Amino acid sequence: MKSLPTLLLCLGLAATVARAETPATVGQPAPNFSLQGADGKSHQLAKYKGKFVVLEWTNPQCPFVKRFYHSEVMQALQKKETAKGVVWLRINSGAPGMQGSQTPAELATYVKANHVSATASLLDPTGKVGHLYGARNTPQMFIIDPKGTLIYAGGIDDHPSADAEDAPAPTNYVTEALDEAMAGKPVSTPTAPPYGCSVKYAGD
């Protein structure tokens, strides 16, 4: 018979495996969640059903994220898509004390200072939502259609660089997927390899 420590270790490993094997899947309903925003309000994904929703995992200290925000490429993309009625939610799953983690006040200051044009910027300090979606990197993107189905998951583009001087990538998977889906076409690239900094979950 296994010792108690061994049994607990096995159970912990089993839980980790189960969590890793059941993240959100393209083609399936996107898991609902509720998170606090920089505006002090609670934002529930289910309330946005009927609209396209972009989820952007972010970390203000990640060089790959800085590439997009210092050049204002991300803000321009947020502004362009939200003008079409797209809901854009930024999510920071950094655990307290980890690189890039923010308090609500710090998040609000960042949003204002960097002219963020997303619908809302949200905090996920427990990492629950990040694990629910299998978010591994920052930036990492997910798109949900008006029916609530996940239609894209992966990197924002095909240019894995942290150089802020780099020009925007020739293929932006988020723009491409939204344009196709809004035109009633199937998304030609529903998944792409994510890149960037690792999401700084608790215990990492």
N, C-alpha and C. Protein backbone atom coordinates (compact mmCIF):
# COMPACT_ATOMS: atom_id res chain seq x y z
N MET A 1 0.85 -1.19 0.00
CA MET A 1 0.00 0.00 0.00
C MET A 1 0.89 1.25 0.00
N LYS A 2 0.48 2.27 -0.79
CA LYS A 2 1.30 3.47 -0.89
C LYS A 2 1.24 4.28 0.39
N SER A 3 2.37 4.92 0.74
CA SER A 3 2.40 5.79 1.91
C SER A 3 1.54 7.01 1.64
N LEU A 4 1.15 7.71 2.73
CA LEU A 4 0.32 8.89 2.58
C LEU A 4 0.98 9.96 1.71
N PRO A 5 2.28 10.28 1.94
CA PRO A 5 2.92 11.29 1.08
C PRO A 5 2.90 10.89 -0.39
N THR A 6 3.16 9.59 -0.65
CA THR A 6 3.16 9.12 -2.04
C THR A 6 1.77 9.23 -2.63
N LEU A 7 0.76 8.86 -1.84
CA LEU A 7 -0.61 8.92 -2.31
C LEU A 7 -1.01 10.36 -2.63
N LEU A 8 -0.63 11.28 -1.73
CA LEU A 8 -0.95 12.69 -1.96
C LEU A 8 -0.25 13.22 -3.20
N LEU A 9 1.00 12.78 -3.40
CA LEU A 9 1.75 13.19 -4.58
C LEU A 9 1.07 12.70 -5.84
N CYS A 10 0.62 11.45 -5.80
CA CYS A 10 -0.06 10.88 -6.97
C CYS A 10 -1.35 11.64 -7.26
N LEU A 11 -2.08 11.95 -6.19
CA LEU A 11 -3.33 12.69 -6.37
C LEU A 11 -3.05 14.07 -6.95
N GLY A 12 -1.98 14.69 -6.47
CA GLY A 12 -1.62 16.01 -6.98
C GLY A 12 -1.24 15.95 -8.44
N LEU A 13 -0.46 14.92 -8.80
CA LEU A 13 -0.08 14.75 -10.20
C LEU A 13 -1.31 14.47 -11.05
N ALA A 14 -2.22 13.67 -10.53
CA ALA A 14 -3.44 13.35 -11.28
C ALA A 14 -4.25 14.60 -11.53
N ALA A 15 -4.34 15.46 -10.51
CA ALA A 15 -5.10 16.70 -10.66
C ALA A 15 -4.44 17.60 -11.69
N THR A 16 -3.09 17.65 -11.66
CA THR A 16 -2.37 18.47 -12.61
C THR A 16 -2.59 17.98 -14.03
N VAL A 17 -2.52 16.66 -14.22
CA VAL A 17 -2.72 16.08 -15.54
C VAL A 17 -4.13 16.35 -16.02
N ALA A 18 -5.11 16.16 -15.11
CA ALA A 18 -6.50 16.38 -15.49
C ALA A 18 -6.71 17.83 -15.93
N ARG A 19 -6.10 18.77 -15.18
CA ARG A 19 -6.24 20.18 -15.52
C ARG A 19 -5.61 20.45 -16.88
N ALA A 20 -4.46 19.85 -17.14
CA ALA A 20 -3.76 20.09 -18.39
C ALA A 20 -4.49 19.48 -19.58
N GLU A 21 -5.26 18.40 -19.33
CA GLU A 21 -5.92 17.70 -20.43
C GLU A 21 -7.28 18.28 -20.77
N THR A 22 -7.77 19.22 -19.98
CA THR A 22 -9.12 19.71 -20.22
C THR A 22 -9.21 21.23 -20.36
N PRO A 23 -8.28 21.85 -21.04
CA PRO A 23 -8.44 23.29 -21.26
C PRO A 23 -9.46 23.54 -22.36
N ALA A 24 -9.81 24.80 -22.56
CA ALA A 24 -10.74 25.17 -23.61
C ALA A 24 -10.24 24.64 -24.96
N THR A 25 -11.17 24.19 -25.78
CA THR A 25 -10.82 23.57 -27.06
C THR A 25 -11.51 24.29 -28.21
N VAL A 26 -10.76 24.58 -29.26
CA VAL A 26 -11.34 25.22 -30.44
C VAL A 26 -12.45 24.33 -31.01
N GLY A 27 -13.56 24.94 -31.33
CA GLY A 27 -14.71 24.20 -31.85
C GLY A 27 -15.72 23.84 -30.78
N GLN A 28 -15.34 24.07 -29.50
CA GLN A 28 -16.22 23.75 -28.37
C GLN A 28 -16.64 25.05 -27.67
N PRO A 29 -17.70 24.99 -26.85
CA PRO A 29 -18.12 26.19 -26.12
C PRO A 29 -16.99 26.73 -25.24
N ALA A 30 -16.81 28.03 -25.25
CA ALA A 30 -15.78 28.66 -24.42
C ALA A 30 -16.25 28.66 -22.97
N PRO A 31 -15.40 28.24 -22.04
CA PRO A 31 -15.79 28.23 -20.62
C PRO A 31 -16.13 29.63 -20.11
N ASN A 32 -17.18 29.71 -19.34
CA ASN A 32 -17.57 30.99 -18.77
C ASN A 32 -16.65 31.34 -17.60
N PHE A 33 -16.53 32.62 -17.30
CA PHE A 33 -15.75 33.05 -16.15
C PHE A 33 -16.20 34.45 -15.74
N SER A 34 -15.79 34.85 -14.57
CA SER A 34 -16.07 36.19 -14.07
C SER A 34 -14.81 36.70 -13.38
N LEU A 35 -14.33 37.88 -13.79
CA LEU A 35 -13.12 38.45 -13.21
C LEU A 35 -13.30 39.94 -12.96
N GLN A 36 -12.56 40.45 -11.98
CA GLN A 36 -12.62 41.88 -11.68
C GLN A 36 -11.76 42.66 -12.65
N GLY A 37 -12.27 43.82 -13.07
CA GLY A 37 -11.55 44.65 -14.02
C GLY A 37 -10.90 45.85 -13.38
N ALA A 38 -10.09 46.55 -14.17
CA ALA A 38 -9.44 47.77 -13.70
C ALA A 38 -10.47 48.84 -13.37
N ASP A 39 -11.68 48.68 -13.92
CA ASP A 39 -12.76 49.63 -13.65
C ASP A 39 -13.47 49.32 -12.33
N GLY A 40 -13.00 48.28 -11.63
CA GLY A 40 -13.61 47.91 -10.35
C GLY A 40 -14.86 47.06 -10.48
N LYS A 41 -15.25 46.77 -11.72
CA LYS A 41 -16.45 45.99 -11.96
C LYS A 41 -16.11 44.53 -12.25
N SER A 42 -17.11 43.67 -12.05
CA SER A 42 -16.96 42.26 -12.38
C SER A 42 -17.42 42.05 -13.82
N HIS A 43 -16.61 41.35 -14.59
CA HIS A 43 -16.94 41.10 -16.00
C HIS A 43 -17.13 39.60 -16.21
N GLN A 44 -18.32 39.24 -16.65
CA GLN A 44 -18.66 37.84 -16.87
C GLN A 44 -18.72 37.58 -18.37
N LEU A 45 -18.01 36.56 -18.83
CA LEU A 45 -17.97 36.26 -20.25
C LEU A 45 -19.37 36.04 -20.82
N ALA A 46 -20.23 35.36 -20.09
CA ALA A 46 -21.57 35.03 -20.57
C ALA A 46 -22.37 36.26 -20.97
N LYS A 47 -22.08 37.40 -20.35
CA LYS A 47 -22.82 38.62 -20.65
C LYS A 47 -22.52 39.15 -22.05
N TYR A 48 -21.44 38.65 -22.65
CA TYR A 48 -21.05 39.13 -23.98
C TYR A 48 -21.49 38.18 -25.09
N LYS A 49 -22.31 37.19 -24.76
CA LYS A 49 -22.78 36.27 -25.79
C LYS A 49 -23.56 37.05 -26.82
N GLY A 50 -23.36 36.72 -28.08
CA GLY A 50 -23.97 37.46 -29.17
C GLY A 50 -22.98 38.39 -29.84
N LYS A 51 -21.77 38.46 -29.27
CA LYS A 51 -20.71 39.28 -29.85
C LYS A 51 -19.44 38.45 -30.00
N PHE A 52 -18.58 38.90 -30.89
CA PHE A 52 -17.25 38.30 -30.96
C PHE A 52 -16.46 38.81 -29.75
N VAL A 53 -15.70 37.91 -29.13
CA VAL A 53 -14.90 38.27 -27.96
C VAL A 53 -13.45 37.83 -28.18
N VAL A 54 -12.53 38.73 -27.94
CA VAL A 54 -11.10 38.40 -27.98
C VAL A 54 -10.59 38.39 -26.55
N LEU A 55 -9.87 37.33 -26.20
CA LEU A 55 -9.19 37.25 -24.91
C LEU A 55 -7.70 37.38 -25.17
N GLU A 56 -7.07 38.32 -24.50
CA GLU A 56 -5.63 38.56 -24.66
C GLU A 56 -4.94 38.35 -23.32
N TRP A 57 -4.13 37.30 -23.22
CA TRP A 57 -3.35 37.11 -21.99
C TRP A 57 -2.14 38.03 -22.03
N THR A 58 -1.89 38.72 -20.92
CA THR A 58 -0.88 39.76 -20.95
C THR A 58 -0.05 39.79 -19.67
N ASN A 59 1.11 40.41 -19.75
CA ASN A 59 2.03 40.61 -18.63
C ASN A 59 2.80 41.89 -18.94
N PRO A 60 2.58 42.97 -18.19
CA PRO A 60 3.19 44.25 -18.53
C PRO A 60 4.72 44.25 -18.53
N GLN A 61 5.35 43.28 -17.88
CA GLN A 61 6.80 43.24 -17.83
C GLN A 61 7.42 42.28 -18.85
N CYS A 62 6.60 41.62 -19.62
CA CYS A 62 7.09 40.67 -20.63
C CYS A 62 7.60 41.43 -21.85
N PRO A 63 8.84 41.18 -22.30
CA PRO A 63 9.37 41.87 -23.48
C PRO A 63 8.53 41.68 -24.73
N PHE A 64 7.91 40.51 -24.87
CA PHE A 64 7.08 40.25 -26.04
C PHE A 64 5.82 41.12 -26.01
N VAL A 65 5.26 41.30 -24.81
CA VAL A 65 4.10 42.18 -24.66
C VAL A 65 4.51 43.63 -24.90
N LYS A 66 5.67 44.01 -24.37
CA LYS A 66 6.15 45.38 -24.54
C LYS A 66 6.34 45.71 -26.02
N ARG A 67 6.74 44.72 -26.81
CA ARG A 67 6.91 44.95 -28.25
C ARG A 67 5.63 45.50 -28.86
N PHE A 68 4.49 44.96 -28.44
CA PHE A 68 3.21 45.39 -29.01
C PHE A 68 2.69 46.68 -28.40
N TYR A 69 2.94 46.89 -27.11
CA TYR A 69 2.40 48.08 -26.45
C TYR A 69 3.27 49.31 -26.64
N HIS A 70 4.59 49.16 -26.65
CA HIS A 70 5.45 50.32 -26.86
C HIS A 70 5.31 50.85 -28.29
N SER A 71 5.06 49.96 -29.23
CA SER A 71 4.86 50.38 -30.62
C SER A 71 3.41 50.80 -30.87
N GLU A 72 2.54 50.53 -29.88
CA GLU A 72 1.10 50.81 -29.94
C GLU A 72 0.39 50.00 -31.02
N VAL A 73 1.01 48.91 -31.44
CA VAL A 73 0.37 48.01 -32.39
C VAL A 73 -0.84 47.34 -31.74
N MET A 74 -0.69 46.92 -30.48
CA MET A 74 -1.81 46.25 -29.81
C MET A 74 -2.97 47.21 -29.58
N GLN A 75 -2.67 48.42 -29.15
CA GLN A 75 -3.74 49.39 -28.91
C GLN A 75 -4.49 49.70 -30.21
N ALA A 76 -3.76 49.79 -31.32
CA ALA A 76 -4.40 50.07 -32.61
C ALA A 76 -5.31 48.92 -33.02
N LEU A 77 -4.85 47.70 -32.75
CA LEU A 77 -5.66 46.52 -33.08
C LEU A 77 -6.91 46.47 -32.20
N GLN A 78 -6.74 46.79 -30.92
CA GLN A 78 -7.89 46.82 -30.01
C GLN A 78 -8.91 47.85 -30.48
N LYS A 79 -8.43 49.03 -30.83
CA LYS A 79 -9.32 50.11 -31.27
C LYS A 79 -10.05 49.74 -32.56
N LYS A 80 -9.32 49.13 -33.48
CA LYS A 80 -9.90 48.74 -34.77
C LYS A 80 -11.01 47.72 -34.59
N GLU A 81 -10.77 46.71 -33.76
CA GLU A 81 -11.75 45.64 -33.62
C GLU A 81 -12.93 46.03 -32.72
N THR A 82 -12.67 46.77 -31.65
CA THR A 82 -13.79 47.18 -30.78
C THR A 82 -14.70 48.15 -31.52
N ALA A 83 -14.17 48.89 -32.48
CA ALA A 83 -15.01 49.79 -33.28
C ALA A 83 -16.01 49.00 -34.13
N LYS A 84 -15.69 47.74 -34.37
CA LYS A 84 -16.59 46.86 -35.13
C LYS A 84 -17.58 46.14 -34.22
N GLY A 85 -17.48 46.39 -32.91
CA GLY A 85 -18.38 45.74 -31.97
C GLY A 85 -17.78 44.54 -31.26
N VAL A 86 -16.50 44.28 -31.52
CA VAL A 86 -15.82 43.17 -30.85
C VAL A 86 -15.55 43.53 -29.40
N VAL A 87 -15.75 42.59 -28.49
CA VAL A 87 -15.41 42.78 -27.08
C VAL A 87 -13.98 42.26 -26.88
N TRP A 88 -13.12 43.09 -26.34
CA TRP A 88 -11.70 42.73 -26.18
C TRP A 88 -11.38 42.73 -24.69
N LEU A 89 -11.04 41.57 -24.16
CA LEU A 89 -10.74 41.44 -22.74
C LEU A 89 -9.28 41.05 -22.53
N ARG A 90 -8.52 41.91 -21.84
CA ARG A 90 -7.14 41.61 -21.48
C ARG A 90 -7.15 40.90 -20.13
N ILE A 91 -6.35 39.84 -20.00
CA ILE A 91 -6.33 39.08 -18.74
C ILE A 91 -4.89 38.91 -18.26
N ASN A 92 -4.66 39.28 -17.01
CA ASN A 92 -3.36 39.09 -16.38
C ASN A 92 -3.52 37.99 -15.33
N SER A 93 -2.93 36.82 -15.60
CA SER A 93 -3.02 35.69 -14.67
C SER A 93 -1.78 35.58 -13.79
N GLY A 94 -0.97 36.63 -13.73
CA GLY A 94 0.22 36.60 -12.88
C GLY A 94 -0.16 36.54 -11.41
N ALA A 95 0.40 35.59 -10.70
CA ALA A 95 0.10 35.44 -9.27
C ALA A 95 0.77 36.56 -8.48
N PRO A 96 0.19 36.95 -7.36
CA PRO A 96 0.80 37.99 -6.51
C PRO A 96 2.26 37.65 -6.18
N GLY A 97 3.13 38.62 -6.35
CA GLY A 97 4.55 38.41 -6.07
C GLY A 97 5.33 37.91 -7.26
N MET A 98 4.64 37.51 -8.32
CA MET A 98 5.32 37.01 -9.52
C MET A 98 5.51 38.17 -10.50
N GLN A 99 6.42 37.98 -11.46
CA GLN A 99 6.69 39.01 -12.44
C GLN A 99 5.42 39.44 -13.18
N GLY A 100 5.21 40.74 -13.23
CA GLY A 100 4.09 41.26 -14.00
C GLY A 100 2.75 41.29 -13.29
N SER A 101 2.68 40.76 -12.06
CA SER A 101 1.40 40.77 -11.36
C SER A 101 1.02 42.22 -11.04
N GLN A 102 -0.26 42.50 -10.98
CA GLN A 102 -0.72 43.86 -10.73
C GLN A 102 -1.87 43.87 -9.72
N THR A 103 -1.93 44.91 -8.94
CA THR A 103 -3.09 45.15 -8.09
C THR A 103 -4.12 45.86 -8.97
N PRO A 104 -5.37 45.94 -8.53
CA PRO A 104 -6.36 46.68 -9.32
C PRO A 104 -5.92 48.12 -9.60
N ALA A 105 -5.32 48.77 -8.62
CA ALA A 105 -4.87 50.16 -8.80
C ALA A 105 -3.74 50.24 -9.83
N GLU A 106 -2.80 49.29 -9.76
CA GLU A 106 -1.69 49.28 -10.71
C GLU A 106 -2.20 49.00 -12.12
N LEU A 107 -3.17 48.12 -12.21
CA LEU A 107 -3.74 47.80 -13.52
C LEU A 107 -4.42 49.03 -14.12
N ALA A 108 -5.20 49.74 -13.31
CA ALA A 108 -5.88 50.93 -13.78
C ALA A 108 -4.89 51.99 -14.25
N THR A 109 -3.79 52.15 -13.50
CA THR A 109 -2.76 53.11 -13.89
C THR A 109 -2.10 52.72 -15.20
N TYR A 110 -1.83 51.43 -15.37
CA TYR A 110 -1.21 50.93 -16.61
C TYR A 110 -2.12 51.18 -17.80
N VAL A 111 -3.39 50.88 -17.63
CA VAL A 111 -4.36 51.05 -18.72
C VAL A 111 -4.38 52.50 -19.20
N LYS A 112 -4.39 53.43 -18.25
CA LYS A 112 -4.44 54.86 -18.60
C LYS A 112 -3.12 55.32 -19.22
N ALA A 113 -2.01 54.93 -18.63
CA ALA A 113 -0.70 55.39 -19.09
C ALA A 113 -0.35 54.86 -20.47
N ASN A 114 -0.86 53.67 -20.80
CA ASN A 114 -0.51 53.04 -22.07
C ASN A 114 -1.62 53.15 -23.12
N HIS A 115 -2.63 53.94 -22.82
CA HIS A 115 -3.71 54.19 -23.78
C HIS A 115 -4.33 52.90 -24.29
N VAL A 116 -4.53 51.97 -23.37
CA VAL A 116 -5.13 50.68 -23.73
C VAL A 116 -6.55 50.91 -24.24
N SER A 117 -6.88 50.29 -25.35
CA SER A 117 -8.19 50.50 -25.97
C SER A 117 -9.07 49.25 -25.92
N ALA A 118 -8.74 48.33 -25.03
CA ALA A 118 -9.54 47.13 -24.87
C ALA A 118 -10.85 47.46 -24.16
N THR A 119 -11.82 46.57 -24.27
CA THR A 119 -13.09 46.76 -23.58
C THR A 119 -12.89 46.76 -22.08
N ALA A 120 -12.06 45.84 -21.60
CA ALA A 120 -11.77 45.75 -20.16
C ALA A 120 -10.44 45.03 -19.96
N SER A 121 -9.76 45.39 -18.87
CA SER A 121 -8.53 44.72 -18.46
C SER A 121 -8.82 44.03 -17.14
N LEU A 122 -8.57 42.74 -17.07
CA LEU A 122 -9.01 41.92 -15.95
C LEU A 122 -7.85 41.26 -15.21
N LEU A 123 -8.08 40.96 -13.93
CA LEU A 123 -7.08 40.28 -13.11
C LEU A 123 -7.54 38.88 -12.75
N ASP A 124 -6.62 37.92 -12.89
CA ASP A 124 -6.88 36.51 -12.60
C ASP A 124 -5.77 36.01 -11.67
N PRO A 125 -5.64 36.57 -10.45
CA PRO A 125 -4.50 36.26 -9.58
C PRO A 125 -4.40 34.80 -9.16
N THR A 126 -5.50 34.07 -9.14
CA THR A 126 -5.44 32.65 -8.76
C THR A 126 -5.03 31.78 -9.95
N GLY A 127 -5.10 32.34 -11.14
CA GLY A 127 -4.76 31.57 -12.34
C GLY A 127 -5.86 30.63 -12.79
N LYS A 128 -7.01 30.68 -12.15
CA LYS A 128 -8.09 29.75 -12.48
C LYS A 128 -8.53 29.87 -13.93
N VAL A 129 -8.73 31.09 -14.40
CA VAL A 129 -9.19 31.28 -15.77
C VAL A 129 -8.08 30.96 -16.76
N GLY A 130 -6.86 31.32 -16.41
CA GLY A 130 -5.74 30.99 -17.28
C GLY A 130 -5.62 29.50 -17.50
N HIS A 131 -5.74 28.73 -16.42
CA HIS A 131 -5.67 27.27 -16.54
C HIS A 131 -6.88 26.73 -17.29
N LEU A 132 -8.03 27.38 -17.10
CA LEU A 132 -9.26 26.95 -17.77
C LEU A 132 -9.10 27.02 -19.29
N TYR A 133 -8.36 28.02 -19.75
CA TYR A 133 -8.14 28.20 -21.19
C TYR A 133 -6.81 27.61 -21.67
N GLY A 134 -6.01 27.14 -20.76
CA GLY A 134 -4.73 26.58 -21.16
C GLY A 134 -3.76 27.65 -21.63
N ALA A 135 -3.90 28.87 -21.09
CA ALA A 135 -3.00 29.95 -21.48
C ALA A 135 -1.61 29.69 -20.94
N ARG A 136 -0.62 29.72 -21.82
CA ARG A 136 0.76 29.40 -21.44
C ARG A 136 1.71 30.58 -21.61
N ASN A 137 1.35 31.50 -22.49
CA ASN A 137 2.28 32.58 -22.84
C ASN A 137 1.61 33.94 -22.83
N THR A 138 2.46 34.97 -22.81
CA THR A 138 1.98 36.33 -23.00
C THR A 138 2.81 36.97 -24.10
N PRO A 139 2.14 37.50 -25.15
CA PRO A 139 0.70 37.47 -25.34
C PRO A 139 0.23 36.14 -25.92
N GLN A 140 -0.96 35.72 -25.54
CA GLN A 140 -1.61 34.57 -26.15
C GLN A 140 -3.07 34.95 -26.35
N MET A 141 -3.63 34.55 -27.49
CA MET A 141 -4.93 35.06 -27.89
C MET A 141 -5.97 33.95 -28.07
N PHE A 142 -7.21 34.30 -27.77
CA PHE A 142 -8.34 33.40 -27.97
C PHE A 142 -9.49 34.22 -28.55
N ILE A 143 -10.24 33.63 -29.47
CA ILE A 143 -11.39 34.32 -30.05
C ILE A 143 -12.63 33.46 -29.89
N ILE A 144 -13.71 34.08 -29.45
CA ILE A 144 -14.98 33.40 -29.22
C ILE A 144 -16.02 34.03 -30.14
N ASP A 145 -16.80 33.22 -30.83
CA ASP A 145 -17.79 33.77 -31.75
C ASP A 145 -19.10 34.12 -31.01
N PRO A 146 -20.05 34.76 -31.69
CA PRO A 146 -21.29 35.18 -31.03
C PRO A 146 -22.11 34.04 -30.42
N LYS A 147 -21.89 32.81 -30.89
CA LYS A 147 -22.60 31.66 -30.32
C LYS A 147 -21.93 31.15 -29.04
N GLY A 148 -20.76 31.70 -28.74
CA GLY A 148 -20.03 31.26 -27.55
C GLY A 148 -19.04 30.15 -27.81
N THR A 149 -18.73 29.92 -29.09
CA THR A 149 -17.79 28.86 -29.47
C THR A 149 -16.39 29.43 -29.64
N LEU A 150 -15.41 28.73 -29.12
CA LEU A 150 -14.02 29.14 -29.30
C LEU A 150 -13.60 28.83 -30.73
N ILE A 151 -13.19 29.86 -31.48
CA ILE A 151 -12.85 29.66 -32.89
C ILE A 151 -11.37 29.88 -33.19
N TYR A 152 -10.62 30.43 -32.24
CA TYR A 152 -9.18 30.58 -32.44
C TYR A 152 -8.47 30.51 -31.09
N ALA A 153 -7.28 29.90 -31.11
CA ALA A 153 -6.43 29.86 -29.91
C ALA A 153 -4.98 29.79 -30.37
N GLY A 154 -4.16 30.68 -29.83
CA GLY A 154 -2.73 30.61 -30.16
C GLY A 154 -2.04 31.95 -30.14
N GLY A 155 -0.94 32.03 -30.87
CA GLY A 155 -0.16 33.25 -30.93
C GLY A 155 -0.88 34.35 -31.68
N ILE A 156 -0.49 35.59 -31.45
CA ILE A 156 -1.15 36.70 -32.12
C ILE A 156 -0.75 36.78 -33.58
N ASP A 157 0.47 36.33 -33.91
CA ASP A 157 0.93 36.41 -35.29
C ASP A 157 2.00 35.35 -35.54
N ASP A 158 2.63 35.45 -36.71
CA ASP A 158 3.64 34.45 -37.10
C ASP A 158 5.06 35.00 -36.95
N HIS A 159 5.24 35.96 -36.04
CA HIS A 159 6.54 36.61 -35.91
C HIS A 159 6.96 36.65 -34.44
N PRO A 160 7.49 35.55 -33.91
CA PRO A 160 7.84 35.47 -32.49
C PRO A 160 9.07 36.27 -32.12
N SER A 161 8.88 37.57 -31.99
CA SER A 161 10.00 38.45 -31.67
C SER A 161 9.64 39.35 -30.49
N ALA A 162 10.66 39.70 -29.69
CA ALA A 162 10.46 40.63 -28.58
C ALA A 162 11.07 41.98 -28.90
N ASP A 163 11.54 42.17 -30.13
CA ASP A 163 12.17 43.41 -30.54
C ASP A 163 11.12 44.47 -30.84
N ALA A 164 11.07 45.50 -30.04
CA ALA A 164 10.05 46.55 -30.20
C ALA A 164 10.22 47.32 -31.51
N GLU A 165 11.39 47.20 -32.13
CA GLU A 165 11.62 47.91 -33.39
C GLU A 165 11.10 47.14 -34.59
N ASP A 166 10.72 45.89 -34.37
CA ASP A 166 10.22 45.08 -35.48
C ASP A 166 8.91 45.64 -36.02
N ALA A 167 8.76 45.55 -37.32
CA ALA A 167 7.50 45.96 -37.94
C ALA A 167 6.43 44.92 -37.61
N PRO A 168 5.17 45.29 -37.72
CA PRO A 168 4.10 44.30 -37.49
C PRO A 168 4.27 43.10 -38.41
N ALA A 169 3.93 41.93 -37.91
CA ALA A 169 4.08 40.71 -38.70
C ALA A 169 3.15 40.73 -39.91
N PRO A 170 3.57 40.09 -41.00
CA PRO A 170 2.72 40.06 -42.20
C PRO A 170 1.42 39.30 -41.99
N THR A 171 1.42 38.35 -41.06
CA THR A 171 0.20 37.58 -40.80
C THR A 171 -0.21 37.73 -39.35
N ASN A 172 -1.29 38.44 -39.13
CA ASN A 172 -1.84 38.57 -37.79
C ASN A 172 -3.04 37.62 -37.71
N TYR A 173 -2.88 36.55 -36.93
CA TYR A 173 -3.91 35.52 -36.89
C TYR A 173 -5.23 36.02 -36.29
N VAL A 174 -5.16 36.99 -35.39
CA VAL A 174 -6.37 37.51 -34.77
C VAL A 174 -7.21 38.29 -35.79
N THR A 175 -6.55 39.20 -36.50
CA THR A 175 -7.25 39.97 -37.54
C THR A 175 -7.81 39.05 -38.61
N GLU A 176 -6.99 38.10 -39.03
CA GLU A 176 -7.40 37.16 -40.07
C GLU A 176 -8.62 36.36 -39.65
N ALA A 177 -8.60 35.83 -38.44
CA ALA A 177 -9.71 35.01 -37.95
C ALA A 177 -10.99 35.82 -37.80
N LEU A 178 -10.87 37.03 -37.26
CA LEU A 178 -12.06 37.87 -37.10
C LEU A 178 -12.65 38.26 -38.44
N ASP A 179 -11.81 38.63 -39.39
CA ASP A 179 -12.31 39.01 -40.72
C ASP A 179 -13.04 37.85 -41.37
N GLU A 180 -12.46 36.67 -41.28
CA GLU A 180 -13.09 35.50 -41.91
C GLU A 180 -14.40 35.15 -41.22
N ALA A 181 -14.39 35.12 -39.90
CA ALA A 181 -15.59 34.74 -39.16
C ALA A 181 -16.71 35.76 -39.36
N MET A 182 -16.38 37.04 -39.39
CA MET A 182 -17.39 38.07 -39.60
C MET A 182 -17.99 38.00 -41.00
N ALA A 183 -17.22 37.45 -41.93
CA ALA A 183 -17.71 37.30 -43.31
C ALA A 183 -18.45 35.99 -43.50
N GLY A 184 -18.61 35.23 -42.41
CA GLY A 184 -19.32 33.97 -42.49
C GLY A 184 -18.49 32.83 -43.04
N LYS A 185 -17.17 33.03 -43.07
CA LYS A 185 -16.26 32.00 -43.58
C LYS A 185 -15.64 31.22 -42.43
N PRO A 186 -15.22 29.97 -42.68
CA PRO A 186 -14.51 29.24 -41.64
C PRO A 186 -13.14 29.87 -41.40
N VAL A 187 -12.66 29.79 -40.18
CA VAL A 187 -11.34 30.34 -39.85
C VAL A 187 -10.27 29.43 -40.44
N SER A 188 -9.44 29.99 -41.31
CA SER A 188 -8.46 29.17 -42.03
C SER A 188 -7.32 28.70 -41.12
N THR A 189 -7.01 29.48 -40.08
CA THR A 189 -5.98 29.08 -39.13
C THR A 189 -6.59 29.14 -37.73
N PRO A 190 -7.26 28.07 -37.30
CA PRO A 190 -7.93 28.09 -35.99
C PRO A 190 -6.99 27.97 -34.80
N THR A 191 -5.80 27.47 -35.03
CA THR A 191 -4.80 27.38 -33.96
C THR A 191 -3.43 27.73 -34.53
N ALA A 192 -2.59 28.28 -33.68
CA ALA A 192 -1.21 28.60 -34.07
C ALA A 192 -0.36 28.53 -32.81
N PRO A 193 0.92 28.21 -32.95
CA PRO A 193 1.77 28.10 -31.77
C PRO A 193 1.84 29.42 -31.01
N PRO A 194 1.56 29.40 -29.71
CA PRO A 194 1.72 30.62 -28.92
C PRO A 194 3.20 30.87 -28.66
N TYR A 195 3.56 32.11 -28.44
CA TYR A 195 4.94 32.43 -28.10
C TYR A 195 4.94 33.58 -27.10
N GLY A 196 6.08 33.82 -26.49
CA GLY A 196 6.21 34.91 -25.54
C GLY A 196 6.72 34.42 -24.20
N CYS A 197 6.49 35.21 -23.17
CA CYS A 197 6.88 34.82 -21.82
C CYS A 197 5.88 33.81 -21.26
N SER A 198 6.33 32.97 -20.35
CA SER A 198 5.42 32.04 -19.72
C SER A 198 4.50 32.78 -18.77
N VAL A 199 3.25 32.34 -18.67
CA VAL A 199 2.32 32.93 -17.71
C VAL A 199 2.84 32.59 -16.31
N LYS A 200 2.93 33.58 -15.45
CA LYS A 200 3.53 33.39 -14.12
C LYS A 200 2.47 32.97 -13.09
N TYR A 201 2.10 31.69 -13.16
CA TYR A 201 1.11 31.16 -12.23
C TYR A 201 1.70 30.94 -10.85
N ALA A 202 0.83 30.88 -9.85
CA ALA A 202 1.26 30.58 -8.50
C ALA A 202 1.89 29.19 -8.47
N GLY A 203 3.01 29.06 -7.78
CA GLY A 203 3.69 27.78 -7.68
C GLY A 203 4.69 27.51 -8.76
N ASP A 204 4.75 28.39 -9.78
CA ASP A 204 5.72 28.18 -10.86
C ASP A 204 7.13 28.57 -10.40
